[in-house]
PDB file of all heavy atoms in Angstrom:
ATOM      1  N   GLN A   1       0.830  -1.174   0.000  1.00  0.00           N
ATOM      2  CA  GLN A   1       0.000   0.000   0.000  1.00  0.00           C
ATOM      3  C   GLN A   1       0.878   1.242   0.000  1.00  0.00           C
ATOM      4  O   GLN A   1       2.049   1.186   0.346  1.00  0.00           O
ATOM      5  CB  GLN A   1      -0.948   0.005   1.208  1.00  0.00           C
ATOM      6  CG  GLN A   1      -0.286   0.257   2.541  1.00  0.00           C
ATOM      7  CD  GLN A   1       0.329  -0.963   3.142  1.00  0.00           C
ATOM      8  OE1 GLN A   1       0.605  -1.945   2.456  1.00  0.00           O
ATOM      9  NE2 GLN A   1       0.585  -0.947   4.438  1.00  0.00           N
ATOM     10  N   VAL A   2       0.263   2.357  -0.359  1.00  0.00           N
ATOM     11  CA  VAL A   2       1.006   3.607  -0.432  1.00  0.00           C
ATOM     12  C   VAL A   2       1.431   4.053   0.963  1.00  0.00           C
ATOM     13  O   VAL A   2       0.640   4.036   1.911  1.00  0.00           O
ATOM     14  CB  VAL A   2       0.144   4.712  -1.088  1.00  0.00           C
ATOM     15  CG1 VAL A   2       0.798   6.079  -0.946  1.00  0.00           C
ATOM     16  CG2 VAL A   2      -0.108   4.381  -2.560  1.00  0.00           C
ATOM     17  N   GLN A   3       2.707   4.419   1.079  1.00  0.00           N
ATOM     18  CA  GLN A   3       3.217   4.994   2.329  1.00  0.00           C
ATOM     19  C   GLN A   3       4.012   6.245   2.005  1.00  0.00           C
ATOM     20  O   GLN A   3       4.839   6.245   1.080  1.00  0.00           O
ATOM     21  CB  GLN A   3       4.111   4.000   3.059  1.00  0.00           C
ATOM     22  CG  GLN A   3       3.378   3.086   4.023  1.00  0.00           C
ATOM     23  CD  GLN A   3       4.300   2.483   5.063  1.00  0.00           C
ATOM     24  OE1 GLN A   3       5.337   1.956   4.744  1.00  0.00           O
ATOM     25  NE2 GLN A   3       3.907   2.595   6.321  1.00  0.00           N
ATOM     26  N   LEU A   4       3.733   7.281   2.775  1.00  0.00           N
ATOM     27  CA  LEU A   4       4.462   8.544   2.656  1.00  0.00           C
ATOM     28  C   LEU A   4       4.943   8.908   4.052  1.00  0.00           C
ATOM     29  O   LEU A   4       4.132   9.069   4.964  1.00  0.00           O
ATOM     30  CB  LEU A   4       3.541   9.630   2.095  1.00  0.00           C
ATOM     31  CG  LEU A   4       2.964   9.352   0.704  1.00  0.00           C
ATOM     32  CD1 LEU A   4       1.761  10.234   0.423  1.00  0.00           C
ATOM     33  CD2 LEU A   4       4.043   9.547  -0.351  1.00  0.00           C
ATOM     34  N   VAL A   5       6.255   9.018   4.217  1.00  0.00           N
ATOM     35  CA  VAL A   5       6.834   9.282   5.529  1.00  0.00           C
ATOM     36  C   VAL A   5       7.668  10.551   5.471  1.00  0.00           C
ATOM     37  O   VAL A   5       8.745  10.573   4.861  1.00  0.00           O
ATOM     38  CB  VAL A   5       7.689   8.097   6.008  1.00  0.00           C
ATOM     39  CG1 VAL A   5       8.264   8.385   7.383  1.00  0.00           C
ATOM     40  CG2 VAL A   5       6.864   6.814   6.027  1.00  0.00           C
ATOM     41  N   GLU A   6       7.150  11.590   6.112  1.00  0.00           N
ATOM     42  CA  GLU A   6       7.839  12.886   6.134  1.00  0.00           C
ATOM     43  C   GLU A   6       8.754  12.977   7.347  1.00  0.00           C
ATOM     44  O   GLU A   6       8.450  12.426   8.411  1.00  0.00           O
ATOM     45  CB  GLU A   6       6.818  14.027   6.186  1.00  0.00           C
ATOM     46  CG  GLU A   6       5.846  14.065   5.021  1.00  0.00           C
ATOM     47  CD  GLU A   6       4.556  13.292   5.266  1.00  0.00           C
ATOM     48  OE1 GLU A   6       4.487  12.537   6.265  1.00  0.00           O
ATOM     49  OE2 GLU A   6       3.613  13.431   4.467  1.00  0.00           O
ATOM     50  N   SER A   7       9.859  13.682   7.190  1.00  0.00           N
ATOM     51  CA  SER A   7      10.798  13.883   8.286  1.00  0.00           C
ATOM     52  C   SER A   7      11.599  15.154   8.039  1.00  0.00           C
ATOM     53  O   SER A   7      11.538  15.732   6.951  1.00  0.00           O
ATOM     54  CB  SER A   7      11.743  12.681   8.408  1.00  0.00           C
ATOM     55  OG  SER A   7      12.515  12.537   7.229  1.00  0.00           O
ATOM     56  N   GLY A   8      12.331  15.570   9.062  1.00  0.00           N
ATOM     57  CA  GLY A   8      13.223  16.708   8.917  1.00  0.00           C
ATOM     58  C   GLY A   8      12.746  18.007   9.531  1.00  0.00           C
ATOM     59  O   GLY A   8      13.461  19.001   9.528  1.00  0.00           O
ATOM     60  N   GLY A   9      11.531  18.005  10.071  1.00  0.00           N
ATOM     61  CA  GLY A   9      11.025  19.213  10.690  1.00  0.00           C
ATOM     62  C   GLY A   9      11.728  19.502  12.005  1.00  0.00           C
ATOM     63  O   GLY A   9      12.558  18.727  12.474  1.00  0.00           O
ATOM     64  N   GLY A  10      11.376  20.625  12.595  1.00  0.00           N
ATOM     65  CA  GLY A  10      11.961  20.998  13.877  1.00  0.00           C
ATOM     66  C   GLY A  10      11.682  22.442  14.210  1.00  0.00           C
ATOM     67  O   GLY A  10      10.860  23.106  13.566  1.00  0.00           O
ATOM     68  N   LEU A  11      12.375  22.905  15.248  1.00  0.00           N
ATOM     69  CA  LEU A  11      12.248  24.289  15.708  1.00  0.00           C
ATOM     70  C   LEU A  11      13.464  25.061  15.212  1.00  0.00           C
ATOM     71  O   LEU A  11      14.607  24.637  15.429  1.00  0.00           O
ATOM     72  CB  LEU A  11      12.173  24.324  17.236  1.00  0.00           C
ATOM     73  CG  LEU A  11      12.216  25.696  17.901  1.00  0.00           C
ATOM     74  CD1 LEU A  11      11.009  26.525  17.487  1.00  0.00           C
ATOM     75  CD2 LEU A  11      12.285  25.546  19.410  1.00  0.00           C
ATOM     76  N   VAL A  12      13.223  26.184  14.572  1.00  0.00           N
ATOM     77  CA  VAL A  12      14.313  26.986  14.014  1.00  0.00           C
ATOM     78  C   VAL A  12      13.971  28.460  14.180  1.00  0.00           C
ATOM     79  O   VAL A  12      12.788  28.835  14.205  1.00  0.00           O
ATOM     80  CB  VAL A  12      14.540  26.619  12.529  1.00  0.00           C
ATOM     81  CG1 VAL A  12      13.324  26.957  11.683  1.00  0.00           C
ATOM     82  CG2 VAL A  12      15.793  27.253  11.982  1.00  0.00           C
ATOM     83  N   GLN A  13      14.987  29.278  14.304  1.00  0.00           N
ATOM     84  CA  GLN A  13      14.764  30.719  14.403  1.00  0.00           C
ATOM     85  C   GLN A  13      14.473  31.300  13.027  1.00  0.00           C
ATOM     86  O   GLN A  13      14.891  30.746  11.998  1.00  0.00           O
ATOM     87  CB  GLN A  13      15.982  31.397  15.006  1.00  0.00           C
ATOM     88  CG  GLN A  13      16.151  31.152  16.494  1.00  0.00           C
ATOM     89  CD  GLN A  13      17.215  32.036  17.113  1.00  0.00           C
ATOM     90  OE1 GLN A  13      18.179  32.414  16.450  1.00  0.00           O
ATOM     91  NE2 GLN A  13      17.046  32.368  18.385  1.00  0.00           N
ATOM     92  N   ALA A  14      13.784  32.408  13.019  1.00  0.00           N
ATOM     93  CA  ALA A  14      13.523  33.112  11.763  1.00  0.00           C
ATOM     94  C   ALA A  14      14.843  33.380  11.050  1.00  0.00           C
ATOM     95  O   ALA A  14      15.835  33.767  11.671  1.00  0.00           O
ATOM     96  CB  ALA A  14      12.783  34.410  12.036  1.00  0.00           C
ATOM     97  N   GLY A  15      14.826  33.153   9.741  1.00  0.00           N
ATOM     98  CA  GLY A  15      16.040  33.297   8.941  1.00  0.00           C
ATOM     99  C   GLY A  15      16.818  32.016   8.772  1.00  0.00           C
ATOM    100  O   GLY A  15      17.738  31.944   7.951  1.00  0.00           O
ATOM    101  N   GLY A  16      16.453  31.007   9.538  1.00  0.00           N
ATOM    102  CA  GLY A  16      17.154  29.731   9.473  1.00  0.00           C
ATOM    103  C   GLY A  16      16.672  28.848   8.334  1.00  0.00           C
ATOM    104  O   GLY A  16      15.837  29.253   7.512  1.00  0.00           O
ATOM    105  N   SER A  17      17.219  27.634   8.307  1.00  0.00           N
ATOM    106  CA  SER A  17      16.930  26.696   7.225  1.00  0.00           C
ATOM    107  C   SER A  17      16.585  25.319   7.775  1.00  0.00           C
ATOM    108  O   SER A  17      17.039  24.940   8.857  1.00  0.00           O
ATOM    109  CB  SER A  17      18.145  26.557   6.296  1.00  0.00           C
ATOM    110  OG  SER A  17      18.473  27.780   5.683  1.00  0.00           O
ATOM    111  N   LEU A  18      15.802  24.594   7.019  1.00  0.00           N
ATOM    112  CA  LEU A  18      15.499  23.193   7.285  1.00  0.00           C
ATOM    113  C   LEU A  18      15.384  22.472   5.953  1.00  0.00           C
ATOM    114  O   LEU A  18      15.017  23.078   4.936  1.00  0.00           O
ATOM    115  CB  LEU A  18      14.188  23.032   8.049  1.00  0.00           C
ATOM    116  CG  LEU A  18      14.164  23.353   9.536  1.00  0.00           C
ATOM    117  CD1 LEU A  18      12.727  23.314  10.058  1.00  0.00           C
ATOM    118  CD2 LEU A  18      15.032  22.393  10.325  1.00  0.00           C
ATOM    119  N   ARG A  19      15.667  21.169   5.976  1.00  0.00           N
ATOM    120  CA  ARG A  19      15.476  20.339   4.792  1.00  0.00           C
ATOM    121  C   ARG A  19      14.536  19.198   5.153  1.00  0.00           C
ATOM    122  O   ARG A  19      14.869  18.364   5.998  1.00  0.00           O
ATOM    123  CB  ARG A  19      16.801  19.782   4.292  1.00  0.00           C
ATOM    124  CG  ARG A  19      16.679  19.075   2.939  1.00  0.00           C
ATOM    125  CD  ARG A  19      17.906  18.247   2.659  1.00  0.00           C
ATOM    126  NE  ARG A  19      17.999  17.829   1.272  1.00  0.00           N
ATOM    127  CZ  ARG A  19      18.653  16.745   0.864  1.00  0.00           C
ATOM    128  NH1 ARG A  19      19.274  15.974   1.742  1.00  0.00           N
ATOM    129  NH2 ARG A  19      18.710  16.444  -0.425  1.00  0.00           N
ATOM    130  N   LEU A  20      13.394  19.191   4.521  1.00  0.00           N
ATOM    131  CA  LEU A  20      12.412  18.136   4.741  1.00  0.00           C
ATOM    132  C   LEU A  20      12.621  17.019   3.732  1.00  0.00           C
ATOM    133  O   LEU A  20      13.015  17.264   2.588  1.00  0.00           O
ATOM    134  CB  LEU A  20      10.999  18.682   4.614  1.00  0.00           C
ATOM    135  CG  LEU A  20      10.645  19.891   5.471  1.00  0.00           C
ATOM    136  CD1 LEU A  20       9.155  20.228   5.292  1.00  0.00           C
ATOM    137  CD2 LEU A  20      10.975  19.664   6.925  1.00  0.00           C
ATOM    138  N   SER A  21      12.306  15.797   4.167  1.00  0.00           N
ATOM    139  CA  SER A  21      12.361  14.634   3.281  1.00  0.00           C
ATOM    140  C   SER A  21      11.031  13.905   3.335  1.00  0.00           C
ATOM    141  O   SER A  21      10.350  13.914   4.364  1.00  0.00           O
ATOM    142  CB  SER A  21      13.471  13.672   3.718  1.00  0.00           C
ATOM    143  OG  SER A  21      14.739  14.278   3.667  1.00  0.00           O
ATOM    144  N   CYS A  22      10.692  13.274   2.234  1.00  0.00           N
ATOM    145  CA  CYS A  22       9.490  12.445   2.175  1.00  0.00           C
ATOM    146  C   CYS A  22       9.858  11.155   1.461  1.00  0.00           C
ATOM    147  O   CYS A  22      10.146  11.169   0.257  1.00  0.00           O
ATOM    148  CB  CYS A  22       8.373  13.169   1.445  1.00  0.00           C
ATOM    149  SG  CYS A  22       6.963  12.116   1.025  1.00  0.00           S
ATOM    150  N   ALA A  23       9.857  10.066   2.203  1.00  0.00           N
ATOM    151  CA  ALA A  23      10.148   8.756   1.639  1.00  0.00           C
ATOM    152  C   ALA A  23       8.849   8.103   1.207  1.00  0.00           C
ATOM    153  O   ALA A  23       7.923   7.971   2.017  1.00  0.00           O
ATOM    154  CB  ALA A  23      10.860   7.893   2.663  1.00  0.00           C
ATOM    155  N   ALA A  24       8.788   7.716  -0.054  1.00  0.00           N
ATOM    156  CA  ALA A  24       7.556   7.168  -0.616  1.00  0.00           C
ATOM    157  C   ALA A  24       7.734   5.692  -0.963  1.00  0.00           C
ATOM    158  O   ALA A  24       8.829   5.254  -1.344  1.00  0.00           O
ATOM    159  CB  ALA A  24       7.171   7.946  -1.867  1.00  0.00           C
ATOM    160  N   SER A  25       6.658   4.935  -0.840  1.00  0.00           N
ATOM    161  CA  SER A  25       6.667   3.529  -1.223  1.00  0.00           C
ATOM    162  C   SER A  25       5.261   3.098  -1.590  1.00  0.00           C
ATOM    163  O   SER A  25       4.285   3.786  -1.274  1.00  0.00           O
ATOM    164  CB  SER A  25       7.213   2.652  -0.086  1.00  0.00           C
ATOM    165  OG  SER A  25       6.411   2.775   1.057  1.00  0.00           O
ATOM    166  N   GLY A  26       5.165   1.965  -2.295  1.00  0.00           N
ATOM    167  CA  GLY A  26       3.864   1.421  -2.651  1.00  0.00           C
ATOM    168  C   GLY A  26       3.340   1.870  -3.996  1.00  0.00           C
ATOM    169  O   GLY A  26       2.216   1.504  -4.373  1.00  0.00           O
ATOM    170  N   PHE A  27       4.113   2.659  -4.713  1.00  0.00           N
ATOM    171  CA  PHE A  27       3.730   3.082  -6.059  1.00  0.00           C
ATOM    172  C   PHE A  27       5.004   3.397  -6.845  1.00  0.00           C
ATOM    173  O   PHE A  27       6.105   3.503  -6.279  1.00  0.00           O
ATOM    174  CB  PHE A  27       2.798   4.297  -6.014  1.00  0.00           C
ATOM    175  CG  PHE A  27       3.384   5.541  -5.403  1.00  0.00           C
ATOM    176  CD1 PHE A  27       3.850   6.571  -6.199  1.00  0.00           C
ATOM    177  CD2 PHE A  27       3.453   5.689  -4.024  1.00  0.00           C
ATOM    178  CE1 PHE A  27       4.387   7.727  -5.646  1.00  0.00           C
ATOM    179  CE2 PHE A  27       3.992   6.837  -3.450  1.00  0.00           C
ATOM    180  CZ  PHE A  27       4.461   7.854  -4.260  1.00  0.00           C
ATOM    181  N   THR A  28       4.849   3.539  -8.158  1.00  0.00           N
ATOM    182  CA  THR A  28       6.010   3.810  -9.010  1.00  0.00           C
ATOM    183  C   THR A  28       6.336   5.295  -8.935  1.00  0.00           C
ATOM    184  O   THR A  28       5.809   6.126  -9.681  1.00  0.00           O
ATOM    185  CB  THR A  28       5.721   3.386 -10.461  1.00  0.00           C
ATOM    186  OG1 THR A  28       5.293   2.017 -10.488  1.00  0.00           O
ATOM    187  CG2 THR A  28       7.002   3.506 -11.304  1.00  0.00           C
ATOM    188  N   PHE A  29       7.218   5.630  -8.017  1.00  0.00           N
ATOM    189  CA  PHE A  29       7.514   7.018  -7.653  1.00  0.00           C
ATOM    190  C   PHE A  29       7.877   7.862  -8.866  1.00  0.00           C
ATOM    191  O   PHE A  29       7.409   8.988  -9.007  1.00  0.00           O
ATOM    192  CB  PHE A  29       8.666   7.003  -6.646  1.00  0.00           C
ATOM    193  CG  PHE A  29       9.092   8.355  -6.163  1.00  0.00           C
ATOM    194  CD1 PHE A  29       8.379   9.011  -5.162  1.00  0.00           C
ATOM    195  CD2 PHE A  29      10.225   8.973  -6.679  1.00  0.00           C
ATOM    196  CE1 PHE A  29       8.781  10.254  -4.700  1.00  0.00           C
ATOM    197  CE2 PHE A  29      10.629  10.209  -6.236  1.00  0.00           C
ATOM    198  CZ  PHE A  29       9.913  10.863  -5.238  1.00  0.00           C
ATOM    199  N   SER A  30       8.699   7.327  -9.749  1.00  0.00           N
ATOM    200  CA  SER A  30       9.203   8.112 -10.874  1.00  0.00           C
ATOM    201  C   SER A  30       8.114   8.502 -11.866  1.00  0.00           C
ATOM    202  O   SER A  30       8.337   9.380 -12.708  1.00  0.00           O
ATOM    203  CB  SER A  30      10.305   7.347 -11.593  1.00  0.00           C
ATOM    204  OG  SER A  30       9.806   6.127 -12.110  1.00  0.00           O
ATOM    205  N   MET A  31       6.957   7.878 -11.775  1.00  0.00           N
ATOM    206  CA  MET A  31       5.861   8.139 -12.712  1.00  0.00           C
ATOM    207  C   MET A  31       4.883   9.203 -12.202  1.00  0.00           C
ATOM    208  O   MET A  31       3.889   9.481 -12.873  1.00  0.00           O
ATOM    209  CB  MET A  31       5.087   6.844 -12.974  1.00  0.00           C
ATOM    210  CG  MET A  31       5.929   5.744 -13.563  1.00  0.00           C
ATOM    211  SD  MET A  31       6.409   6.080 -15.255  1.00  0.00           S
ATOM    212  CE  MET A  31       4.862   5.832 -16.090  1.00  0.00           C
ATOM    213  N   TYR A  32       5.145   9.769 -11.031  1.00  0.00           N
ATOM    214  CA  TYR A  32       4.233  10.724 -10.418  1.00  0.00           C
ATOM    215  C   TYR A  32       4.913  12.057 -10.126  1.00  0.00           C
ATOM    216  O   TYR A  32       6.064  12.090  -9.666  1.00  0.00           O
ATOM    217  CB  TYR A  32       3.683  10.189  -9.095  1.00  0.00           C
ATOM    218  CG  TYR A  32       2.635   9.119  -9.237  1.00  0.00           C
ATOM    219  CD1 TYR A  32       2.999   7.801  -9.502  1.00  0.00           C
ATOM    220  CD2 TYR A  32       1.286   9.414  -9.104  1.00  0.00           C
ATOM    221  CE1 TYR A  32       2.038   6.814  -9.639  1.00  0.00           C
ATOM    222  CE2 TYR A  32       0.321   8.426  -9.226  1.00  0.00           C
ATOM    223  CZ  TYR A  32       0.707   7.134  -9.493  1.00  0.00           C
ATOM    224  OH  TYR A  32      -0.246   6.156  -9.620  1.00  0.00           O
ATOM    225  N   ALA A  33       4.175  13.129 -10.392  1.00  0.00           N
ATOM    226  CA  ALA A  33       4.568  14.411  -9.823  1.00  0.00           C
ATOM    227  C   ALA A  33       4.383  14.312  -8.308  1.00  0.00           C
ATOM    228  O   ALA A  33       3.521  13.578  -7.824  1.00  0.00           O
ATOM    229  CB  ALA A  33       3.699  15.525 -10.390  1.00  0.00           C
TER     230      ALA A  33
END
């Protein structure tokens, strides 16, 4: 089945940076926007 797992969030001060990730499974990822 389709699974979408987001990670990378957190607490940051204004002006800072974060990088979010989303690991997908259960479908042909390369065929989807």
